[in-house]
Amino acid sequence: MTDDVALTLAEAFDLARSALQRLGMSEQAARALSRATVDAEAAGRPAVGFAHLADYLKALAEGRIDGRAEPLVTAPVPAVMKCDAMGGVAQYGFEIAREELAAKARTFGLSVFAAHNSYTTGELGWYAGRLAEDGLVALAATNAPAMVAAAGGSGPVYGTNPLAFAAPLSDGRILLVDQATSATAFVNIRAAAARGEPIPEGWALDEGGRPTIDPLAALKGALLAFGGARGANIALMVEVLAAGLTGANWSLDAPDFLSGSASPGCGLFVLALAPQVLAENFAGRLTAQAERLSRHGVHVPGLARTEAKRQAESRGIVLPRQLFDSISSFRRNQP
C-alpha cells in the first residue's frame, strides 16, 4: 500500500530503540530488544517483529517489564550460564551472555544458557540463529502463560511452548526450525481476530471447551496442541526445559503478558553444541545434505531467512502506517 512506511534497517532500529527509551528502558536493553525486533522483521517474521514490539511497549508502560532491570548472569559450573532477567527482557540477558556462551561451547563441546524471570522471549529462533551464525548448533525452548489445552483437556495448561533448532551451513546460510507446539502460534489467532476472519478447524477451543473457528472465542478459550497427545507431550517437554530447569514460572502460574502489572516470569533454555568436536566438516556435510533434500522437493526451513535478511539490508523493510505511527508516538500514559 502507498500509505505504508519504508525504512532502512538502521531507521527501523532507531524507531524501536527510541520508542523503548522514551518509556524508560535502559539503552543496552533497548538495543538488544531492538536488534531482535529488526532481525525478525528483516527475516520475514513480522508477527514477532514490530507487531510484537507493540506488546513490549504496552507492557513496559504498564509495569509488566522493568525497563531498568540489569540481568544477573552467573556460572554455577563452567559450561552453564544462569540468567535472572530481574523482570526485564530475555534478549538483554542473552546478549550479555552470548559471546561467553559460544566460547564455552567451543571449549567444552557444549554449553547451556538458562534464564528466568523475563517477559516473553519474542522470536525464539533469533536465539538459536545467533549461535548458528557463530558456527554452533543450537536448541532453544521457552514457555509462556497458559493458553494451550492438553489432549483431553478443555482449559489452557501450557504456553505455546515453541522449540527452535539452528545449525550452520558452509555458505553463510543457516538451517532454522522455529515452531510452536500448539496447532498455530497465538499471534496468528490474534491477527485473524483483527482481520475479522475465521480460523481453521483444529486450532482452538472456546471458553466452554468446544472446538471453534471464531478467533475471538479462541482468544477467550484455549489453543490446541498440534498432533493431539503427541504435540501436548512435546509441550510438556518444553515446559520442563524452559520452566522446570530454569526456575521460571510454570505456564499455569505465569501472569498474562497482555494485561496486569506483573511480569509473566517466563523461562528460556538454550543448548549450544560445537559441531567440530563431534563431526569433521559438519557445515559442509549439512550443506550438501540440504541441497540433496531440496532436489527431492523438501523445504529446508531457514535457508530463505539469510537471503531475506540480505535483501532487507539493501531494500529495507516496510511497516503498515498505523503500526509505524503507533510505535512512533507511544507514550507512558497511553491506555
C-alpha atoms as a PDB file:
ATOM      1  CA  MET A   1       0.000   0.000   0.000  1.00  0.00           C
ATOM      2  CA  THR A   2       1.189   3.505  -0.777  1.00  0.00           C
ATOM      3  CA  ASP A   3       0.495   4.544   2.822  1.00  0.00           C
ATOM      4  CA  ASP A   4       2.999   2.026   4.169  1.00  0.00           C
ATOM      5  CA  VAL A   5       6.292   3.297   5.558  1.00  0.00           C
ATOM      6  CA  ALA A   6       9.610   2.168   4.053  1.00  0.00           C
ATOM      7  CA  LEU A   7      12.588   2.166   6.420  1.00  0.00           C
ATOM      8  CA  THR A   8      16.226   1.207   6.194  1.00  0.00           C
ATOM      9  CA  LEU A   9      17.299  -1.293   8.842  1.00  0.00           C
ATOM     10  CA  ALA A  10      19.155   1.498  10.655  1.00  0.00           C
ATOM     11  CA  GLU A  11      15.998   3.634  10.661  1.00  0.00           C
ATOM     12  CA  ALA A  12      13.933   0.691  11.872  1.00  0.00           C
ATOM     13  CA  PHE A  13      16.405   0.049  14.678  1.00  0.00           C
ATOM     14  CA  ASP A  14      16.270   3.698  15.742  1.00  0.00           C
ATOM     15  CA  LEU A  15      12.460   3.634  15.645  1.00  0.00           C
ATOM     16  CA  ALA A  16      12.352   0.686  18.046  1.00  0.00           C
ATOM     17  CA  ARG A  17      15.145   1.903  20.314  1.00  0.00           C
ATOM     18  CA  SER A  18      13.736   5.416  20.620  1.00  0.00           C
ATOM     19  CA  ALA A  19      10.266   4.145  21.482  1.00  0.00           C
ATOM     20  CA  LEU A  20      11.626   1.841  24.183  1.00  0.00           C
ATOM     21  CA  GLN A  21      13.872   4.502  25.688  1.00  0.00           C
ATOM     22  CA  ARG A  22      11.019   7.029  25.736  1.00  0.00           C
ATOM     23  CA  LEU A  23       9.272   4.627  28.086  1.00  0.00           C
ATOM     24  CA  GLY A  24      12.293   4.406  30.371  1.00  0.00           C
ATOM     25  CA  MET A  25      14.086   1.287  29.136  1.00  0.00           C
ATOM     26  CA  SER A  26      17.854   1.383  29.562  1.00  0.00           C
ATOM     27  CA  GLU A  27      19.913   1.916  26.444  1.00  0.00           C
ATOM     28  CA  GLN A  28      21.528  -1.533  26.430  1.00  0.00           C
ATOM     29  CA  ALA A  29      18.252  -3.369  26.997  1.00  0.00           C
ATOM     30  CA  ALA A  30      16.578  -1.258  24.316  1.00  0.00           C
ATOM     31  CA  ARG A  31      19.375  -2.001  21.850  1.00  0.00           C
ATOM     32  CA  ALA A  32      19.124  -5.768  22.447  1.00  0.00           C
ATOM     33  CA  LEU A  33      15.344  -5.843  22.032  1.00  0.00           C
ATOM     34  CA  SER A  34      15.515  -3.526  19.009  1.00  0.00           C
ATOM     35  CA  ARG A  35      18.032  -5.770  17.286  1.00  0.00           C
ATOM     36  CA  ALA A  36      15.839  -8.828  17.840  1.00  0.00           C
ATOM     37  CA  THR A  37      12.810  -6.916  16.562  1.00  0.00           C
ATOM     38  CA  VAL A  38      14.520  -5.701  13.385  1.00  0.00           C
ATOM     39  CA  ASP A  39      16.080  -9.112  12.743  1.00  0.00           C
ATOM     40  CA  ALA A  40      12.647 -10.766  12.921  1.00  0.00           C
ATOM     41  CA  GLU A  41      11.120  -8.180  10.594  1.00  0.00           C
ATOM     42  CA  ALA A  42      14.010  -8.440   8.121  1.00  0.00           C
ATOM     43  CA  ALA A  43      13.753 -12.222   8.120  1.00  0.00           C
ATOM     44  CA  GLY A  44      10.101 -12.061   7.090  1.00  0.00           C
ATOM     45  CA  ARG A  45       8.604 -12.728  10.535  1.00  0.00           C
ATOM     46  CA  PRO A  46       6.527  -9.560  11.085  1.00  0.00           C
ATOM     47  CA  ALA A  47       4.218 -11.148  13.674  1.00  0.00           C
ATOM     48  CA  VAL A  48       7.172 -11.365  16.067  1.00  0.00           C
ATOM     49  CA  GLY A  49       8.795  -8.185  14.772  1.00  0.00           C
ATOM     50  CA  PHE A  50       7.331  -4.709  15.150  1.00  0.00           C
ATOM     51  CA  ALA A  51       3.813  -6.027  15.720  1.00  0.00           C
ATOM     52  CA  HIS A  52       5.080  -7.811  18.824  1.00  0.00           C
ATOM     53  CA  LEU A  53       7.177  -4.790  19.813  1.00  0.00           C
ATOM     54  CA  ALA A  54       3.854  -3.040  20.413  1.00  0.00           C
ATOM     55  CA  ASP A  55       3.171  -5.653  23.134  1.00  0.00           C
ATOM     56  CA  TYR A  56       6.536  -4.877  24.710  1.00  0.00           C
ATOM     57  CA  LEU A  57       5.836  -1.143  24.674  1.00  0.00           C
ATOM     58  CA  LYS A  58       2.437  -1.599  26.295  1.00  0.00           C
ATOM     59  CA  ALA A  59       3.913  -3.965  28.881  1.00  0.00           C
ATOM     60  CA  LEU A  60       6.716  -1.502  29.597  1.00  0.00           C
ATOM     61  CA  ALA A  61       4.235   1.334  30.077  1.00  0.00           C
ATOM     62  CA  GLU A  62       2.006  -0.751  32.353  1.00  0.00           C
ATOM     63  CA  GLY A  63       4.756  -2.255  34.502  1.00  0.00           C
ATOM     64  CA  ARG A  64       4.924  -5.839  33.228  1.00  0.00           C
ATOM     65  CA  ILE A  65       8.507  -5.145  32.106  1.00  0.00           C
ATOM     66  CA  ASP A  66      11.119  -3.479  34.276  1.00  0.00           C
ATOM     67  CA  GLY A  67      12.924  -1.390  31.697  1.00  0.00           C
ATOM     68  CA  ARG A  68      15.809  -0.590  34.044  1.00  0.00           C
ATOM     69  CA  ALA A  69      16.437  -4.202  35.063  1.00  0.00           C
ATOM     70  CA  GLU A  70      20.031  -5.421  34.825  1.00  0.00           C
ATOM     71  CA  PRO A  71      20.177  -9.189  34.250  1.00  0.00           C
ATOM     72  CA  LEU A  72      22.175 -11.196  36.763  1.00  0.00           C
ATOM     73  CA  VAL A  73      24.309 -13.727  34.864  1.00  0.00           C
ATOM     74  CA  THR A  74      26.222 -16.375  36.817  1.00  0.00           C
ATOM     75  CA  ALA A  75      28.124 -19.567  36.003  1.00  0.00           C
ATOM     76  CA  PRO A  76      27.466 -22.246  38.660  1.00  0.00           C
ATOM     77  CA  VAL A  77      29.666 -24.674  36.694  1.00  0.00           C
ATOM     78  CA  PRO A  78      31.978 -23.861  33.765  1.00  0.00           C
ATOM     79  CA  ALA A  79      29.656 -24.929  30.928  1.00  0.00           C
ATOM     80  CA  VAL A  80      26.421 -23.466  32.335  1.00  0.00           C
ATOM     81  CA  MET A  81      25.283 -19.856  32.427  1.00  0.00           C
ATOM     82  CA  LYS A  82      22.257 -18.891  34.520  1.00  0.00           C
ATOM     83  CA  CYS A  83      20.434 -15.615  33.996  1.00  0.00           C
ATOM     84  CA  ASP A  84      17.910 -13.887  36.215  1.00  0.00           C
ATOM     85  CA  ALA A  85      16.302 -11.325  33.895  1.00  0.00           C
ATOM     86  CA  MET A  86      15.100  -9.452  37.004  1.00  0.00           C
ATOM     87  CA  GLY A  87      11.738  -8.736  35.422  1.00  0.00           C
ATOM     88  CA  GLY A  88      13.272  -7.314  32.240  1.00  0.00           C
ATOM     89  CA  VAL A  89      13.599  -8.753  28.740  1.00  0.00           C
ATOM     90  CA  ALA A  90      15.243 -12.047  27.811  1.00  0.00           C
ATOM     91  CA  GLN A  91      17.008 -10.558  24.786  1.00  0.00           C
ATOM     92  CA  TYR A  92      19.194  -8.370  27.005  1.00  0.00           C
ATOM     93  CA  GLY A  93      20.370 -11.228  29.202  1.00  0.00           C
ATOM     94  CA  PHE A  94      21.135 -13.352  26.147  1.00  0.00           C
ATOM     95  CA  GLU A  95      23.117 -10.545  24.502  1.00  0.00           C
ATOM     96  CA  ILE A  96      25.199 -10.180  27.663  1.00  0.00           C
ATOM     97  CA  ALA A  97      25.919 -13.922  27.738  1.00  0.00           C
ATOM     98  CA  ARG A  98      26.122 -14.871  24.049  1.00  0.00           C
ATOM     99  CA  GLU A  99      29.818 -14.337  23.393  1.00  0.00           C
ATOM    100  CA  GLU A 100      30.869 -16.211  26.511  1.00  0.00           C
ATOM    101  CA  LEU A 101      28.254 -18.909  25.889  1.00  0.00           C
ATOM    102  CA  ALA A 102      29.712 -19.543  22.433  1.00  0.00           C
ATOM    103  CA  ALA A 103      33.259 -19.578  23.817  1.00  0.00           C
ATOM    104  CA  LYS A 104      32.262 -22.117  26.465  1.00  0.00           C
ATOM    105  CA  ALA A 105      30.680 -24.345  23.830  1.00  0.00           C
ATOM    106  CA  ARG A 106      33.891 -24.322  21.806  1.00  0.00           C
ATOM    107  CA  THR A 107      35.947 -25.087  24.921  1.00  0.00           C
ATOM    108  CA  PHE A 108      33.773 -27.806  26.461  1.00  0.00           C
ATOM    109  CA  GLY A 109      31.925 -29.062  23.382  1.00  0.00           C
ATOM    110  CA  LEU A 110      28.624 -27.746  24.706  1.00  0.00           C
ATOM    111  CA  SER A 111      27.187 -25.040  26.922  1.00  0.00           C
ATOM    112  CA  VAL A 112      23.808 -24.151  28.411  1.00  0.00           C
ATOM    113  CA  PHE A 113      22.058 -20.820  28.948  1.00  0.00           C
ATOM    114  CA  ALA A 114      19.126 -20.941  31.373  1.00  0.00           C
ATOM    115  CA  ALA A 115      17.128 -17.761  32.001  1.00  0.00           C
ATOM    116  CA  HIS A 116      14.086 -16.997  34.115  1.00  0.00           C
ATOM    117  CA  ASN A 117      12.031 -14.049  35.348  1.00  0.00           C
ATOM    118  CA  SER A 118      11.572 -12.357  31.960  1.00  0.00           C
ATOM    119  CA  TYR A 119       8.805 -11.094  29.719  1.00  0.00           C
ATOM    120  CA  THR A 120       8.074 -13.238  26.637  1.00  0.00           C
ATOM    121  CA  THR A 121      11.148 -14.181  24.623  1.00  0.00           C
ATOM    122  CA  GLY A 122       9.893 -12.865  21.275  1.00  0.00           C
ATOM    123  CA  GLU A 123      11.128 -14.770  18.229  1.00  0.00           C
ATOM    124  CA  LEU A 124      12.657 -17.926  19.700  1.00  0.00           C
ATOM    125  CA  GLY A 125      14.555 -18.709  16.502  1.00  0.00           C
ATOM    126  CA  TRP A 126      16.548 -15.498  16.999  1.00  0.00           C
ATOM    127  CA  TYR A 127      18.440 -17.026  19.930  1.00  0.00           C
ATOM    128  CA  ALA A 128      19.293 -20.295  18.186  1.00  0.00           C
ATOM    129  CA  GLY A 129      20.021 -18.473  14.942  1.00  0.00           C
ATOM    130  CA  ARG A 130      22.541 -16.119  16.554  1.00  0.00           C
ATOM    131  CA  LEU A 131      24.518 -19.114  17.802  1.00  0.00           C
ATOM    132  CA  ALA A 132      24.327 -20.831  14.408  1.00  0.00           C
ATOM    133  CA  GLU A 133      25.819 -17.659  12.919  1.00  0.00           C
ATOM    134  CA  ASP A 134      28.679 -18.258  15.366  1.00  0.00           C
ATOM    135  CA  GLY A 135      29.189 -21.730  13.857  1.00  0.00           C
ATOM    136  CA  LEU A 136      27.352 -23.644  16.588  1.00  0.00           C
ATOM    137  CA  VAL A 137      24.374 -25.988  16.604  1.00  0.00           C
ATOM    138  CA  ALA A 138      21.709 -24.734  18.996  1.00  0.00           C
ATOM    139  CA  LEU A 139      18.442 -25.869  20.530  1.00  0.00           C
ATOM    140  CA  ALA A 140      16.184 -23.363  22.305  1.00  0.00           C
ATOM    141  CA  ALA A 141      12.961 -23.758  24.281  1.00  0.00           C
ATOM    142  CA  THR A 142      10.702 -21.259  26.003  1.00  0.00           C
ATOM    143  CA  ASN A 143       7.359 -21.186  27.774  1.00  0.00           C
ATOM    144  CA  ALA A 144       4.637 -18.573  28.187  1.00  0.00           C
ATOM    145  CA  PRO A 145       1.421 -18.011  30.130  1.00  0.00           C
ATOM    146  CA  ALA A 146      -1.020 -20.910  29.765  1.00  0.00           C
ATOM    147  CA  MET A 147      -3.030 -20.744  26.555  1.00  0.00           C
ATOM    148  CA  VAL A 148      -2.855 -24.304  25.172  1.00  0.00           C
ATOM    149  CA  ALA A 149      -5.060 -27.201  26.264  1.00  0.00           C
ATOM    150  CA  ALA A 150      -3.555 -30.659  26.643  1.00  0.00           C
ATOM    151  CA  ALA A 151      -5.103 -33.659  24.923  1.00  0.00           C
ATOM    152  CA  GLY A 152      -8.432 -34.421  26.548  1.00  0.00           C
ATOM    153  CA  GLY A 153      -8.480 -31.155  28.469  1.00  0.00           C
ATOM    154  CA  SER A 154     -10.705 -28.148  27.906  1.00  0.00           C
ATOM    155  CA  GLY A 155      -8.711 -25.397  29.595  1.00  0.00           C
ATOM    156  CA  PRO A 156      -5.225 -23.983  28.971  1.00  0.00           C
ATOM    157  CA  VAL A 157      -2.330 -25.546  30.873  1.00  0.00           C
ATOM    158  CA  TYR A 158       0.725 -24.865  28.670  1.00  0.00           C
ATOM    159  CA  GLY A 159       2.078 -21.898  26.777  1.00  0.00           C
ATOM    160  CA  THR A 160       2.516 -22.241  23.032  1.00  0.00           C
ATOM    161  CA  ASN A 161       5.916 -23.565  24.175  1.00  0.00           C
ATOM    162  CA  PRO A 162       7.922 -23.334  20.953  1.00  0.00           C
ATOM    163  CA  LEU A 163      11.121 -25.151  20.105  1.00  0.00           C
ATOM    164  CA  ALA A 164      13.821 -23.723  17.864  1.00  0.00           C
ATOM    165  CA  PHE A 165      16.774 -25.528  16.301  1.00  0.00           C
ATOM    166  CA  ALA A 166      19.533 -23.982  14.212  1.00  0.00           C
ATOM    167  CA  ALA A 167      22.682 -25.239  12.505  1.00  0.00           C
ATOM    168  CA  PRO A 168      25.234 -23.535  10.232  1.00  0.00           C
ATOM    169  CA  LEU A 169      25.817 -24.271   6.571  1.00  0.00           C
ATOM    170  CA  SER A 170      29.167 -23.662   4.931  1.00  0.00           C
ATOM    171  CA  ASP A 171      27.894 -20.826   2.709  1.00  0.00           C
ATOM    172  CA  GLY A 172      26.729 -18.490   5.473  1.00  0.00           C
ATOM    173  CA  ARG A 173      23.126 -19.673   5.492  1.00  0.00           C
ATOM    174  CA  ILE A 174      21.600 -21.460   8.459  1.00  0.00           C
ATOM    175  CA  LEU A 175      19.081 -24.225   8.849  1.00  0.00           C
ATOM    176  CA  LEU A 176      16.480 -22.903  11.289  1.00  0.00           C
ATOM    177  CA  VAL A 177      13.375 -24.615  12.631  1.00  0.00           C
ATOM    178  CA  ASP A 178      11.180 -22.434  14.866  1.00  0.00           C
ATOM    179  CA  GLN A 179       7.715 -23.706  15.629  1.00  0.00           C
ATOM    180  CA  ALA A 180       5.157 -23.701  18.395  1.00  0.00           C
ATOM    181  CA  THR A 181       3.893 -26.909  19.951  1.00  0.00           C
ATOM    182  CA  SER A 182       0.378 -25.518  19.550  1.00  0.00           C
ATOM    183  CA  ALA A 183      -1.528 -26.043  16.311  1.00  0.00           C
ATOM    184  CA  THR A 184      -0.710 -22.430  15.485  1.00  0.00           C
ATOM    185  CA  ALA A 185       1.028 -19.514  17.146  1.00  0.00           C
ATOM    186  CA  PHE A 186      -1.001 -17.183  19.373  1.00  0.00           C
ATOM    187  CA  VAL A 187      -0.124 -14.233  17.130  1.00  0.00           C
ATOM    188  CA  ASN A 188      -1.919 -15.927  14.226  1.00  0.00           C
ATOM    189  CA  ILE A 189      -5.139 -16.180  16.243  1.00  0.00           C
ATOM    190  CA  ARG A 190      -4.844 -12.532  17.211  1.00  0.00           C
ATOM    191  CA  ALA A 191      -4.161 -11.490  13.616  1.00  0.00           C
ATOM    192  CA  ALA A 192      -7.233 -13.383  12.390  1.00  0.00           C
ATOM    193  CA  ALA A 193      -9.331 -11.660  15.046  1.00  0.00           C
ATOM    194  CA  ALA A 194      -8.033  -8.260  13.921  1.00  0.00           C
ATOM    195  CA  ARG A 195      -8.946  -9.076  10.300  1.00  0.00           C
ATOM    196  CA  GLY A 196     -12.326 -10.490  11.252  1.00  0.00           C
ATOM    197  CA  GLU A 197     -11.521 -13.794   9.560  1.00  0.00           C
ATOM    198  CA  PRO A 198     -12.341 -17.329  10.776  1.00  0.00           C
ATOM    199  CA  ILE A 199      -9.555 -19.682  11.813  1.00  0.00           C
ATOM    200  CA  PRO A 200      -9.169 -23.267  10.569  1.00  0.00           C
ATOM    201  CA  GLU A 201     -10.766 -26.136  12.437  1.00  0.00           C
ATOM    202  CA  GLY A 202      -8.441 -27.846  14.874  1.00  0.00           C
ATOM    203  CA  TRP A 203      -6.691 -24.695  16.032  1.00  0.00           C
ATOM    204  CA  ALA A 204      -8.631 -23.759  19.144  1.00  0.00           C
ATOM    205  CA  LEU A 205     -11.405 -24.260  21.700  1.00  0.00           C
ATOM    206  CA  ASP A 206     -13.837 -21.663  23.009  1.00  0.00           C
ATOM    207  CA  GLU A 207     -14.261 -20.769  26.680  1.00  0.00           C
ATOM    208  CA  GLY A 208     -16.543 -23.768  27.188  1.00  0.00           C
ATOM    209  CA  GLY A 209     -14.005 -26.220  25.758  1.00  0.00           C
ATOM    210  CA  ARG A 210     -15.816 -26.615  22.422  1.00  0.00           C
ATOM    211  CA  PRO A 211     -13.997 -26.540  19.056  1.00  0.00           C
ATOM    212  CA  THR A 212     -14.287 -23.138  17.399  1.00  0.00           C
ATOM    213  CA  ILE A 213     -13.357 -21.327  14.203  1.00  0.00           C
ATOM    214  CA  ASP A 214     -14.122 -17.923  15.761  1.00  0.00           C
ATOM    215  CA  PRO A 215     -10.805 -16.241  16.662  1.00  0.00           C
ATOM    216  CA  LEU A 216     -12.471 -14.015  19.281  1.00  0.00           C
ATOM    217  CA  ALA A 217     -13.879 -17.096  21.000  1.00  0.00           C
ATOM    218  CA  ALA A 218     -10.466 -18.733  20.730  1.00  0.00           C
ATOM    219  CA  LEU A 219      -8.812 -15.792  22.477  1.00  0.00           C
ATOM    220  CA  LYS A 220     -11.134 -16.403  25.428  1.00  0.00           C
ATOM    221  CA  GLY A 221     -10.641 -20.158  25.300  1.00  0.00           C
ATOM    222  CA  ALA A 222      -7.547 -22.213  24.506  1.00  0.00           C
ATOM    223  CA  LEU A 223      -5.350 -23.205  21.600  1.00  0.00           C
ATOM    224  CA  LEU A 224      -4.919 -26.861  20.764  1.00  0.00           C
ATOM    225  CA  ALA A 225      -1.611 -28.720  20.665  1.00  0.00           C
ATOM    226  CA  PHE A 226      -0.555 -29.916  17.224  1.00  0.00           C
ATOM    227  CA  GLY A 227      -0.943 -33.658  16.743  1.00  0.00           C
ATOM    228  CA  GLY A 228      -3.122 -34.186  19.794  1.00  0.00           C
ATOM    229  CA  ALA A 229      -1.448 -36.018  22.660  1.00  0.00           C
ATOM    230  CA  ARG A 230       1.917 -36.172  20.887  1.00  0.00           C
ATOM    231  CA  GLY A 231       2.092 -32.402  20.498  1.00  0.00           C
ATOM    232  CA  ALA A 232       0.972 -31.954  24.101  1.00  0.00           C
ATOM    233  CA  ASN A 233       3.778 -34.267  25.211  1.00  0.00           C
ATOM    234  CA  ILE A 234       6.308 -32.082  23.400  1.00  0.00           C
ATOM    235  CA  ALA A 235       4.771 -29.002  25.044  1.00  0.00           C
ATOM    236  CA  LEU A 236       5.344 -30.706  28.398  1.00  0.00           C
ATOM    237  CA  MET A 237       8.962 -31.471  27.483  1.00  0.00           C
ATOM    238  CA  VAL A 238       9.464 -27.799  26.600  1.00  0.00           C
ATOM    239  CA  GLU A 239       7.834 -26.810  29.892  1.00  0.00           C
ATOM    240  CA  VAL A 240      10.324 -28.956  31.815  1.00  0.00           C
ATOM    241  CA  LEU A 241      13.281 -27.447  29.939  1.00  0.00           C
ATOM    242  CA  ALA A 242      12.122 -23.824  29.903  1.00  0.00           C
ATOM    243  CA  ALA A 243      10.390 -23.591  33.288  1.00  0.00           C
ATOM    244  CA  GLY A 244      11.477 -26.610  35.316  1.00  0.00           C
ATOM    245  CA  LEU A 245      15.227 -26.447  34.703  1.00  0.00           C
ATOM    246  CA  THR A 246      15.449 -22.655  34.670  1.00  0.00           C
ATOM    247  CA  GLY A 247      13.336 -21.990  37.769  1.00  0.00           C
ATOM    248  CA  ALA A 248      10.868 -19.885  35.779  1.00  0.00           C
ATOM    249  CA  ASN A 249       7.117 -19.778  36.322  1.00  0.00           C
ATOM    250  CA  TRP A 250       5.243 -22.809  35.108  1.00  0.00           C
ATOM    251  CA  SER A 251       2.828 -21.683  32.409  1.00  0.00           C
ATOM    252  CA  LEU A 252      -0.106 -22.271  34.768  1.00  0.00           C
ATOM    253  CA  ASP A 253       1.460 -19.804  37.213  1.00  0.00           C
ATOM    254  CA  ALA A 254       2.607 -17.176  34.715  1.00  0.00           C
ATOM    255  CA  PRO A 255       0.661 -13.879  34.739  1.00  0.00           C
ATOM    256  CA  ASP A 256      -0.888 -12.668  31.490  1.00  0.00           C
ATOM    257  CA  PHE A 257       1.638 -10.958  29.219  1.00  0.00           C
ATOM    258  CA  LEU A 258      -1.051  -8.644  27.798  1.00  0.00           C
ATOM    259  CA  SER A 259      -2.588  -7.227  30.996  1.00  0.00           C
ATOM    260  CA  GLY A 260      -1.925  -6.546  34.649  1.00  0.00           C
ATOM    261  CA  SER A 261       1.258  -5.242  36.221  1.00  0.00           C
ATOM    262  CA  ALA A 262       3.190  -8.472  36.892  1.00  0.00           C
ATOM    263  CA  SER A 263       5.839  -9.993  34.643  1.00  0.00           C
ATOM    264  CA  PRO A 264       4.953 -13.398  33.178  1.00  0.00           C
ATOM    265  CA  GLY A 265       8.276 -14.605  34.580  1.00  0.00           C
ATOM    266  CA  CYS A 266       8.931 -16.806  31.552  1.00  0.00           C
ATOM    267  CA  GLY A 267      11.907 -19.105  31.074  1.00  0.00           C
ATOM    268  CA  LEU A 268      14.388 -19.658  28.268  1.00  0.00           C
ATOM    269  CA  PHE A 269      16.617 -22.707  27.822  1.00  0.00           C
ATOM    270  CA  VAL A 270      19.364 -22.721  25.188  1.00  0.00           C
ATOM    271  CA  LEU A 271      21.768 -25.574  24.455  1.00  0.00           C
ATOM    272  CA  ALA A 272      24.786 -24.774  22.281  1.00  0.00           C
ATOM    273  CA  LEU A 273      26.915 -27.516  20.687  1.00  0.00           C
ATOM    274  CA  ALA A 274      30.277 -27.203  18.941  1.00  0.00           C
ATOM    275  CA  PRO A 275      29.869 -29.471  15.889  1.00  0.00           C
ATOM    276  CA  GLN A 276      33.581 -29.721  15.166  1.00  0.00           C
ATOM    277  CA  VAL A 277      34.029 -31.673  18.402  1.00  0.00           C
ATOM    278  CA  LEU A 278      31.696 -34.376  17.131  1.00  0.00           C
ATOM    279  CA  ALA A 279      31.828 -34.379  13.338  1.00  0.00           C
ATOM    280  CA  GLU A 280      34.521 -33.258  10.938  1.00  0.00           C
ATOM    281  CA  ASN A 281      33.340 -30.787   8.268  1.00  0.00           C
ATOM    282  CA  PHE A 282      29.838 -30.682   9.745  1.00  0.00           C
ATOM    283  CA  ALA A 283      28.828 -27.488   7.961  1.00  0.00           C
ATOM    284  CA  GLY A 284      29.969 -28.817   4.587  1.00  0.00           C
ATOM    285  CA  ARG A 285      28.137 -32.098   5.072  1.00  0.00           C
ATOM    286  CA  LEU A 286      24.967 -30.306   6.164  1.00  0.00           C
ATOM    287  CA  THR A 287      25.148 -28.000   3.141  1.00  0.00           C
ATOM    288  CA  ALA A 288      25.385 -30.979   0.796  1.00  0.00           C
ATOM    289  CA  GLN A 289      22.524 -32.723   2.581  1.00  0.00           C
ATOM    290  CA  ALA A 290      20.319 -29.623   2.437  1.00  0.00           C
ATOM    291  CA  GLU A 291      20.953 -29.349  -1.300  1.00  0.00           C
ATOM    292  CA  ARG A 292      20.131 -33.021  -1.781  1.00  0.00           C
ATOM    293  CA  LEU A 293      16.889 -32.668   0.190  1.00  0.00           C
ATOM    294  CA  SER A 294      15.963 -29.635  -1.890  1.00  0.00           C
ATOM    295  CA  ARG A 295      16.411 -31.674  -5.075  1.00  0.00           C
ATOM    296  CA  HIS A 296      13.916 -34.145  -3.575  1.00  0.00           C
ATOM    297  CA  GLY A 297      11.401 -31.321  -3.208  1.00  0.00           C
ATOM    298  CA  VAL A 298      11.900 -30.936   0.544  1.00  0.00           C
ATOM    299  CA  HIS A 299      11.512 -27.491   2.063  1.00  0.00           C
ATOM    300  CA  VAL A 300      14.552 -26.949   4.267  1.00  0.00           C
ATOM    301  CA  PRO A 301      13.480 -24.343   6.838  1.00  0.00           C
ATOM    302  CA  GLY A 302      15.592 -21.293   7.445  1.00  0.00           C
ATOM    303  CA  LEU A 303      17.535 -21.237   4.195  1.00  0.00           C
ATOM    304  CA  ALA A 304      15.452 -18.391   2.793  1.00  0.00           C
ATOM    305  CA  ARG A 305      15.931 -16.410   6.005  1.00  0.00           C
ATOM    306  CA  THR A 306      19.515 -15.458   5.206  1.00  0.00           C
ATOM    307  CA  GLU A 307      18.533 -14.247   1.737  1.00  0.00           C
ATOM    308  CA  ALA A 308      15.597 -12.279   3.154  1.00  0.00           C
ATOM    309  CA  LYS A 309      17.913 -10.542   5.613  1.00  0.00           C
ATOM    310  CA  ARG A 310      20.418  -9.770   2.856  1.00  0.00           C
ATOM    311  CA  GLN A 311      17.687  -8.222   0.726  1.00  0.00           C
ATOM    312  CA  ALA A 312      16.435  -6.226   3.707  1.00  0.00           C
ATOM    313  CA  GLU A 313      19.926  -4.808   4.182  1.00  0.00           C
ATOM    314  CA  SER A 314      19.679  -3.182   0.755  1.00  0.00           C
ATOM    315  CA  ARG A 315      15.930  -2.670   0.375  1.00  0.00           C
ATOM    316  CA  GLY A 316      14.942  -2.063   3.978  1.00  0.00           C
ATOM    317  CA  ILE A 317      11.601  -3.075   5.473  1.00  0.00           C
ATOM    318  CA  VAL A 318       8.047  -1.798   5.125  1.00  0.00           C
ATOM    319  CA  LEU A 319       5.710  -1.208   8.068  1.00  0.00           C
ATOM    320  CA  PRO A 320       1.980  -0.537   7.946  1.00  0.00           C
ATOM    321  CA  ARG A 321       1.362   3.166   8.540  1.00  0.00           C
ATOM    322  CA  GLN A 322      -0.848   2.537  11.574  1.00  0.00           C
ATOM    323  CA  LEU A 323       1.808   0.390  13.246  1.00  0.00           C
ATOM    324  CA  PHE A 324       4.548   2.889  12.435  1.00  0.00           C
ATOM    325  CA  ASP A 325       2.508   5.786  13.843  1.00  0.00           C
ATOM    326  CA  SER A 326       1.616   3.840  16.973  1.00  0.00           C
ATOM    327  CA  ILE A 327       5.240   2.981  17.763  1.00  0.00           C
ATOM    328  CA  SER A 328       6.456   6.475  16.870  1.00  0.00           C
ATOM    329  CA  SER A 329       4.007   8.138  19.245  1.00  0.00           C
ATOM    330  CA  PHE A 330       3.919   5.638  22.103  1.00  0.00           C
ATOM    331  CA  ARG A 331       3.992   7.311  25.499  1.00  0.00           C
ATOM    332  CA  ARG A 332       3.870   6.019  29.062  1.00  0.00           C
ATOM    333  CA  ASN A 333       0.408   7.456  29.703  1.00  0.00           C
ATOM    334  CA  GLN A 334      -1.255   5.521  26.894  1.00  0.00           C
ATOM    335  CA  PRO A 335      -4.119   3.244  27.998  1.00  0.00           C
END
